[in-house]
N, C-alpha and C. Protein backbone atom coordinates (compact mmCIF):
# COMPACT_ATOMS: atom_id res chain seq x y z
N MET A 1 -153.67 14.05 4.55
CA MET A 1 -153.26 13.32 3.38
C MET A 1 -152.54 12.06 3.83
N SER A 2 -152.96 10.91 3.38
CA SER A 2 -152.31 9.65 3.71
C SER A 2 -151.13 9.44 2.77
N THR A 3 -150.08 8.86 3.30
CA THR A 3 -148.93 8.56 2.46
C THR A 3 -148.54 7.11 2.62
N PHE A 4 -147.79 6.67 1.68
CA PHE A 4 -147.32 5.31 1.62
C PHE A 4 -145.84 5.39 1.32
N VAL A 5 -145.00 4.79 2.13
CA VAL A 5 -143.57 4.84 1.94
C VAL A 5 -143.10 3.44 1.58
N LEU A 6 -142.22 3.38 0.60
CA LEU A 6 -141.90 2.07 0.05
C LEU A 6 -140.44 1.94 -0.29
N GLY A 7 -139.90 0.79 -0.01
CA GLY A 7 -138.66 0.30 -0.59
C GLY A 7 -139.07 -1.01 -1.21
N PHE A 8 -138.65 -1.30 -2.40
CA PHE A 8 -139.21 -2.45 -3.10
C PHE A 8 -138.14 -3.07 -3.98
N VAL A 9 -137.73 -4.29 -3.68
CA VAL A 9 -136.77 -4.97 -4.53
C VAL A 9 -137.30 -6.36 -4.85
N LEU A 10 -136.92 -6.83 -6.01
CA LEU A 10 -137.22 -8.20 -6.40
C LEU A 10 -135.96 -9.03 -6.21
N VAL A 11 -136.12 -10.24 -5.72
CA VAL A 11 -135.00 -11.16 -5.62
C VAL A 11 -135.28 -12.29 -6.60
N LEU A 12 -134.43 -12.40 -7.61
CA LEU A 12 -134.60 -13.45 -8.60
C LEU A 12 -133.76 -14.65 -8.17
N LEU A 13 -134.37 -15.81 -8.15
CA LEU A 13 -133.64 -17.04 -7.85
C LEU A 13 -133.39 -17.76 -9.17
N LEU A 14 -132.13 -18.07 -9.43
CA LEU A 14 -131.75 -18.67 -10.70
C LEU A 14 -131.09 -20.01 -10.44
N HIS A 15 -131.34 -20.96 -11.34
CA HIS A 15 -130.61 -22.23 -11.31
C HIS A 15 -129.53 -22.14 -12.36
N THR A 16 -128.32 -22.46 -11.97
CA THR A 16 -127.22 -22.46 -12.92
C THR A 16 -126.51 -23.80 -12.85
N VAL A 17 -125.97 -24.20 -13.98
CA VAL A 17 -125.24 -25.46 -14.08
C VAL A 17 -123.81 -25.12 -14.48
N PRO A 18 -122.81 -25.61 -13.74
CA PRO A 18 -121.42 -25.33 -14.11
C PRO A 18 -121.11 -25.84 -15.51
N VAL A 19 -120.32 -25.09 -16.26
CA VAL A 19 -119.99 -25.48 -17.63
C VAL A 19 -119.09 -26.69 -17.66
N SER A 20 -118.09 -26.73 -16.81
CA SER A 20 -117.17 -27.87 -16.80
C SER A 20 -117.36 -28.66 -15.52
N SER A 21 -118.06 -29.77 -15.64
CA SER A 21 -118.33 -30.58 -14.47
C SER A 21 -118.53 -32.02 -14.92
N ASN A 22 -118.02 -32.94 -14.13
CA ASN A 22 -118.21 -34.35 -14.45
C ASN A 22 -119.63 -34.80 -14.17
N GLN A 23 -120.23 -34.23 -13.16
CA GLN A 23 -121.61 -34.55 -12.82
C GLN A 23 -122.45 -33.29 -12.96
N PRO A 24 -123.62 -33.45 -13.58
CA PRO A 24 -124.50 -32.28 -13.65
C PRO A 24 -124.86 -31.83 -12.23
N GLN A 25 -124.64 -30.60 -11.96
CA GLN A 25 -124.90 -30.08 -10.62
C GLN A 25 -125.59 -28.73 -10.77
N THR A 26 -126.74 -28.61 -10.17
CA THR A 26 -127.49 -27.36 -10.24
C THR A 26 -127.29 -26.59 -8.95
N THR A 27 -127.00 -25.32 -9.09
CA THR A 27 -126.89 -24.45 -7.92
C THR A 27 -127.91 -23.33 -8.05
N THR A 28 -128.25 -22.75 -6.94
CA THR A 28 -129.19 -21.64 -6.95
C THR A 28 -128.43 -20.37 -6.60
N THR A 29 -128.61 -19.36 -7.41
CA THR A 29 -128.04 -18.05 -7.12
C THR A 29 -129.17 -17.04 -7.08
N SER A 30 -128.91 -15.91 -6.50
CA SER A 30 -129.95 -14.88 -6.45
C SER A 30 -129.37 -13.53 -6.84
N HIS A 31 -130.24 -12.69 -7.36
CA HIS A 31 -129.90 -11.32 -7.73
C HIS A 31 -130.96 -10.39 -7.16
N TRP A 32 -130.52 -9.32 -6.52
CA TRP A 32 -131.45 -8.30 -6.04
C TRP A 32 -131.66 -7.29 -7.15
N LEU A 33 -132.89 -6.99 -7.46
CA LEU A 33 -133.21 -6.00 -8.49
C LEU A 33 -134.01 -4.86 -7.87
N ALA A 34 -133.57 -3.67 -8.11
CA ALA A 34 -134.32 -2.48 -7.72
C ALA A 34 -134.98 -1.94 -8.98
N PRO A 35 -136.05 -1.18 -8.83
CA PRO A 35 -136.69 -0.63 -10.03
C PRO A 35 -135.73 0.31 -10.76
N SER A 36 -135.70 0.18 -12.09
CA SER A 36 -134.84 1.04 -12.90
C SER A 36 -135.60 2.26 -13.42
N ALA A 37 -136.92 2.17 -13.40
CA ALA A 37 -137.77 3.28 -13.85
C ALA A 37 -139.16 3.09 -13.26
N PHE A 38 -139.92 4.16 -13.22
CA PHE A 38 -141.32 4.04 -12.82
C PHE A 38 -142.12 5.17 -13.44
N GLU A 39 -143.41 4.91 -13.53
CA GLU A 39 -144.34 5.89 -14.08
C GLU A 39 -145.53 5.97 -13.15
N THR A 40 -145.88 7.16 -12.73
CA THR A 40 -147.08 7.35 -11.94
C THR A 40 -148.26 7.45 -12.89
N VAL A 41 -149.21 6.53 -12.74
CA VAL A 41 -150.40 6.51 -13.59
C VAL A 41 -151.48 7.39 -12.98
N ARG A 42 -151.59 7.34 -11.65
CA ARG A 42 -152.65 8.10 -10.97
C ARG A 42 -152.10 8.64 -9.65
N ASP A 43 -152.40 9.88 -9.36
CA ASP A 43 -152.04 10.62 -8.17
C ASP A 43 -150.57 11.03 -8.15
N GLN A 44 -149.95 11.15 -7.00
CA GLN A 44 -148.65 11.82 -6.92
C GLN A 44 -147.65 11.05 -6.08
N HIS A 45 -146.38 11.47 -6.18
CA HIS A 45 -145.30 10.88 -5.40
C HIS A 45 -144.33 11.99 -5.00
N SER A 46 -143.48 11.72 -4.02
CA SER A 46 -142.47 12.69 -3.60
C SER A 46 -141.37 12.78 -4.65
N HIS A 47 -140.51 13.77 -4.50
CA HIS A 47 -139.43 13.99 -5.47
C HIS A 47 -138.15 13.24 -5.12
N THR A 48 -138.19 12.42 -4.10
CA THR A 48 -137.02 11.63 -3.74
C THR A 48 -136.62 10.76 -4.94
N PRO A 49 -135.32 10.68 -5.23
CA PRO A 49 -134.88 9.86 -6.37
C PRO A 49 -135.29 8.40 -6.24
N LEU A 50 -135.47 7.76 -7.37
CA LEU A 50 -135.91 6.36 -7.43
C LEU A 50 -134.96 5.41 -6.68
N GLU A 51 -133.68 5.75 -6.61
CA GLU A 51 -132.71 4.88 -5.92
C GLU A 51 -133.11 4.58 -4.48
N ALA A 52 -133.89 5.46 -3.87
CA ALA A 52 -134.32 5.23 -2.49
C ALA A 52 -135.08 3.91 -2.34
N LEU A 53 -135.73 3.47 -3.40
CA LEU A 53 -136.50 2.22 -3.32
C LEU A 53 -135.61 0.98 -3.29
N SER A 54 -134.35 1.13 -3.56
CA SER A 54 -133.46 -0.03 -3.63
C SER A 54 -132.73 -0.31 -2.32
N ARG A 55 -132.82 0.58 -1.36
CA ARG A 55 -131.97 0.45 -0.19
C ARG A 55 -132.58 -0.32 0.98
N LEU A 56 -133.87 -0.33 1.12
CA LEU A 56 -134.53 -1.02 2.23
C LEU A 56 -133.90 -0.69 3.58
N GLU A 57 -133.60 0.60 3.81
CA GLU A 57 -132.91 0.97 5.04
C GLU A 57 -133.80 1.62 6.09
N MET A 58 -135.08 1.75 5.81
CA MET A 58 -135.97 2.34 6.80
C MET A 58 -136.23 1.36 7.93
N SER A 59 -136.32 1.90 9.13
CA SER A 59 -136.72 1.08 10.27
C SER A 59 -137.53 1.96 11.21
N GLU A 60 -138.44 1.33 11.87
CA GLU A 60 -139.33 2.05 12.78
C GLU A 60 -140.12 3.11 12.02
N TRP A 61 -140.51 4.17 12.67
CA TRP A 61 -141.34 5.21 12.06
C TRP A 61 -140.50 6.47 11.89
N ASP A 62 -139.23 6.31 11.65
CA ASP A 62 -138.32 7.44 11.52
C ASP A 62 -138.42 8.05 10.12
N SER A 63 -138.46 9.36 10.02
CA SER A 63 -138.57 10.00 8.71
C SER A 63 -137.26 10.67 8.31
N GLU A 64 -136.18 10.31 8.95
CA GLU A 64 -134.87 10.86 8.61
C GLU A 64 -133.95 9.72 8.22
N PRO A 65 -133.11 9.87 7.25
CA PRO A 65 -133.06 10.99 6.32
C PRO A 65 -134.15 10.85 5.26
N GLU A 66 -134.59 11.97 4.72
CA GLU A 66 -135.68 11.95 3.75
C GLU A 66 -135.32 11.25 2.45
N ASP A 67 -134.03 11.16 2.11
CA ASP A 67 -133.66 10.49 0.87
C ASP A 67 -133.61 8.97 1.02
N ALA A 68 -134.02 8.45 2.19
CA ALA A 68 -134.04 7.02 2.43
C ALA A 68 -135.36 6.37 2.03
N TYR A 69 -136.33 7.17 1.61
CA TYR A 69 -137.63 6.62 1.26
C TYR A 69 -138.30 7.49 0.20
N LYS A 70 -139.30 6.93 -0.43
CA LYS A 70 -140.10 7.65 -1.42
C LYS A 70 -141.55 7.56 -0.97
N GLU A 71 -142.27 8.66 -1.04
CA GLU A 71 -143.66 8.68 -0.61
C GLU A 71 -144.58 8.67 -1.83
N PHE A 72 -145.72 7.99 -1.67
CA PHE A 72 -146.75 7.93 -2.70
C PHE A 72 -148.05 8.40 -2.07
N TYR A 73 -148.77 9.28 -2.76
CA TYR A 73 -149.94 9.93 -2.19
C TYR A 73 -151.22 9.48 -2.90
N PRO A 74 -152.08 8.75 -2.21
CA PRO A 74 -153.36 8.33 -2.79
C PRO A 74 -154.42 9.40 -2.59
N ILE A 75 -154.30 10.51 -3.28
CA ILE A 75 -155.15 11.67 -3.04
C ILE A 75 -156.58 11.45 -3.50
N GLY A 76 -156.78 10.96 -4.71
CA GLY A 76 -158.13 10.80 -5.26
C GLY A 76 -158.58 9.36 -5.21
N ASN A 77 -158.43 8.67 -6.32
CA ASN A 77 -158.86 7.27 -6.42
C ASN A 77 -157.75 6.29 -6.05
N GLY A 78 -156.75 6.71 -5.36
CA GLY A 78 -155.66 5.83 -4.96
C GLY A 78 -154.48 5.98 -5.89
N TYR A 79 -153.30 5.69 -5.36
CA TYR A 79 -152.08 5.78 -6.15
C TYR A 79 -151.95 4.56 -7.05
N GLU A 80 -151.51 4.76 -8.26
CA GLU A 80 -151.19 3.65 -9.16
C GLU A 80 -149.90 4.00 -9.87
N GLY A 81 -148.94 3.11 -9.80
CA GLY A 81 -147.66 3.32 -10.46
C GLY A 81 -147.16 2.05 -11.09
N LEU A 82 -146.41 2.19 -12.16
CA LEU A 82 -145.81 1.05 -12.85
C LEU A 82 -144.29 1.14 -12.68
N PHE A 83 -143.71 0.09 -12.13
CA PHE A 83 -142.29 0.05 -11.87
C PHE A 83 -141.64 -0.95 -12.83
N THR A 84 -140.50 -0.57 -13.38
CA THR A 84 -139.79 -1.41 -14.35
C THR A 84 -138.54 -1.98 -13.71
N TYR A 85 -138.32 -3.26 -13.91
CA TYR A 85 -137.13 -3.96 -13.42
C TYR A 85 -136.43 -4.57 -14.62
N VAL A 86 -135.12 -4.48 -14.67
CA VAL A 86 -134.34 -5.00 -15.79
C VAL A 86 -133.47 -6.15 -15.30
N LEU A 87 -133.50 -7.26 -16.03
CA LEU A 87 -132.66 -8.40 -15.66
C LEU A 87 -131.19 -8.04 -15.82
N PRO A 88 -130.33 -8.61 -14.97
CA PRO A 88 -128.90 -8.37 -15.11
C PRO A 88 -128.38 -8.91 -16.45
N ILE A 89 -127.29 -8.36 -16.91
CA ILE A 89 -126.67 -8.83 -18.15
C ILE A 89 -126.34 -10.31 -18.02
N GLY A 90 -126.69 -11.07 -19.02
CA GLY A 90 -126.42 -12.51 -19.03
C GLY A 90 -127.52 -13.36 -18.43
N VAL A 91 -128.56 -12.74 -17.88
CA VAL A 91 -129.68 -13.48 -17.30
C VAL A 91 -130.89 -13.30 -18.22
N THR A 92 -131.51 -14.42 -18.58
CA THR A 92 -132.72 -14.37 -19.39
C THR A 92 -133.91 -14.75 -18.53
N SER A 93 -135.09 -14.47 -19.02
CA SER A 93 -136.30 -14.83 -18.26
C SER A 93 -136.39 -16.34 -18.06
N ALA A 94 -135.84 -17.13 -18.97
CA ALA A 94 -135.86 -18.59 -18.83
C ALA A 94 -134.98 -19.06 -17.67
N ASP A 95 -134.02 -18.25 -17.25
CA ASP A 95 -133.14 -18.60 -16.13
C ASP A 95 -133.83 -18.44 -14.77
N VAL A 96 -134.86 -17.64 -14.71
CA VAL A 96 -135.52 -17.33 -13.44
C VAL A 96 -136.47 -18.46 -13.07
N VAL A 97 -136.28 -19.02 -11.89
CA VAL A 97 -137.14 -20.11 -11.43
C VAL A 97 -138.09 -19.67 -10.32
N ALA A 98 -137.79 -18.54 -9.68
CA ALA A 98 -138.66 -18.03 -8.62
C ALA A 98 -138.36 -16.55 -8.42
N ILE A 99 -139.33 -15.87 -7.89
CA ILE A 99 -139.17 -14.46 -7.57
C ILE A 99 -139.65 -14.26 -6.14
N ARG A 100 -138.86 -13.55 -5.38
CA ARG A 100 -139.22 -13.19 -4.01
C ARG A 100 -139.27 -11.67 -3.97
N VAL A 101 -140.27 -11.11 -3.35
CA VAL A 101 -140.43 -9.67 -3.30
C VAL A 101 -140.23 -9.19 -1.86
N HIS A 102 -139.38 -8.20 -1.69
CA HIS A 102 -139.16 -7.59 -0.39
C HIS A 102 -139.70 -6.17 -0.43
N VAL A 103 -140.60 -5.85 0.47
CA VAL A 103 -141.19 -4.52 0.53
C VAL A 103 -140.92 -3.93 1.90
N ASN A 104 -140.41 -2.73 1.92
CA ASN A 104 -140.21 -1.98 3.15
C ASN A 104 -141.32 -0.95 3.17
N TYR A 105 -142.38 -1.22 3.90
CA TYR A 105 -143.60 -0.42 3.85
C TYR A 105 -143.80 0.33 5.15
N ARG A 106 -144.20 1.59 5.04
CA ARG A 106 -144.61 2.36 6.21
C ARG A 106 -145.88 3.09 5.83
N GLY A 107 -146.95 2.76 6.46
CA GLY A 107 -148.22 3.40 6.14
C GLY A 107 -149.32 2.85 7.02
N LEU A 108 -150.52 3.12 6.61
CA LEU A 108 -151.69 2.72 7.38
C LEU A 108 -151.94 1.22 7.27
N ILE A 109 -152.66 0.67 8.25
CA ILE A 109 -153.01 -0.75 8.21
C ILE A 109 -154.02 -0.99 7.09
N ARG A 110 -154.11 -2.24 6.68
CA ARG A 110 -154.96 -2.61 5.55
C ARG A 110 -156.42 -2.23 5.76
N GLU A 111 -156.90 -2.36 6.98
CA GLU A 111 -158.31 -2.05 7.25
C GLU A 111 -158.64 -0.57 7.04
N VAL A 112 -157.65 0.29 7.12
CA VAL A 112 -157.84 1.73 6.93
C VAL A 112 -157.57 2.11 5.47
N GLN A 113 -156.49 1.58 4.95
CA GLN A 113 -156.11 1.91 3.57
C GLN A 113 -155.36 0.72 2.98
N ARG A 114 -155.97 0.06 2.02
CA ARG A 114 -155.35 -1.13 1.43
C ARG A 114 -154.43 -0.73 0.28
N TRP A 115 -153.25 -1.31 0.31
CA TRP A 115 -152.29 -1.21 -0.79
C TRP A 115 -152.01 -2.62 -1.24
N TRP A 116 -151.86 -2.83 -2.53
CA TRP A 116 -151.48 -4.17 -2.99
C TRP A 116 -150.49 -4.05 -4.13
N TRP A 117 -149.76 -5.15 -4.33
CA TRP A 117 -148.72 -5.20 -5.34
C TRP A 117 -149.02 -6.34 -6.30
N GLU A 118 -148.74 -6.09 -7.56
CA GLU A 118 -148.97 -7.08 -8.61
C GLU A 118 -147.73 -7.13 -9.51
N LEU A 119 -147.50 -8.30 -10.10
CA LEU A 119 -146.46 -8.46 -11.11
C LEU A 119 -147.14 -8.78 -12.43
N ARG A 120 -146.55 -8.33 -13.51
CA ARG A 120 -147.11 -8.57 -14.83
C ARG A 120 -146.60 -9.89 -15.37
N ASN A 121 -147.51 -10.77 -15.76
CA ASN A 121 -147.16 -12.01 -16.45
C ASN A 121 -147.27 -11.73 -17.94
N PHE A 122 -146.14 -11.55 -18.58
CA PHE A 122 -146.13 -11.18 -19.99
C PHE A 122 -146.43 -12.37 -20.90
N GLN A 123 -146.36 -13.60 -20.38
CA GLN A 123 -146.70 -14.76 -21.21
C GLN A 123 -148.19 -14.82 -21.52
N ASN A 124 -149.03 -14.50 -20.53
CA ASN A 124 -150.48 -14.52 -20.79
C ASN A 124 -151.12 -13.14 -20.66
N ASN A 125 -150.27 -12.10 -20.54
CA ASN A 125 -150.73 -10.71 -20.54
C ASN A 125 -151.72 -10.40 -19.41
N THR A 126 -151.41 -10.87 -18.19
CA THR A 126 -152.27 -10.63 -17.04
C THR A 126 -151.45 -10.08 -15.88
N TRP A 127 -152.15 -9.49 -14.91
CA TRP A 127 -151.52 -9.05 -13.67
C TRP A 127 -151.76 -10.13 -12.61
N VAL A 128 -150.75 -10.43 -11.81
CA VAL A 128 -150.83 -11.45 -10.77
C VAL A 128 -150.62 -10.76 -9.42
N ALA A 129 -151.62 -10.86 -8.55
CA ALA A 129 -151.51 -10.27 -7.21
C ALA A 129 -150.47 -11.02 -6.41
N ILE A 130 -149.55 -10.29 -5.76
CA ILE A 130 -148.49 -10.95 -5.00
C ILE A 130 -148.52 -10.59 -3.52
N GLY A 131 -149.35 -9.64 -3.13
CA GLY A 131 -149.43 -9.32 -1.71
C GLY A 131 -150.02 -7.94 -1.48
N ASP A 132 -150.24 -7.65 -0.20
CA ASP A 132 -150.76 -6.36 0.18
C ASP A 132 -150.16 -5.95 1.52
N ASN A 133 -150.69 -4.91 2.11
CA ASN A 133 -150.14 -4.40 3.37
C ASN A 133 -150.81 -5.03 4.59
N ALA A 134 -151.24 -6.26 4.49
CA ALA A 134 -151.89 -6.94 5.61
C ALA A 134 -150.99 -7.02 6.85
N GLY A 135 -149.69 -7.05 6.66
CA GLY A 135 -148.77 -7.15 7.79
C GLY A 135 -148.35 -5.82 8.39
N ALA A 136 -148.92 -4.73 7.88
CA ALA A 136 -148.54 -3.41 8.38
C ALA A 136 -148.94 -3.26 9.85
N GLU A 137 -148.09 -2.68 10.64
CA GLU A 137 -148.34 -2.55 12.08
C GLU A 137 -149.07 -1.28 12.46
N ARG A 138 -149.19 -0.31 11.55
CA ARG A 138 -149.87 0.96 11.86
C ARG A 138 -151.07 1.09 10.99
């Protein structure tokens, strides 16, 4: 059985303007977002709590401690899951100027088993491909 181990956070880059300033000055701030919920659409996952996806603490091919990662099993037609991210209080979608995705992946190389990630564009109701496991070393 092939498995896929993941830590997955979104980094939102925001432009903010100070309220009291003589000169308009834009600064960039960032927020790390971990998934707040997920739903498995197809196949299975380990019982590790969802918080494991927010830590990005895996290194090398170590499987200890088990609560440091979550496994996804592409048993039949491949794993499919929907992950939900919630903006921090006081941040609106209009504040977000860029998104950077950090994935901590441990699994097979793309040529053996391809995994890819997409983000939902709710303005035009489409999925946008953002990357795959092309950089996987195993």
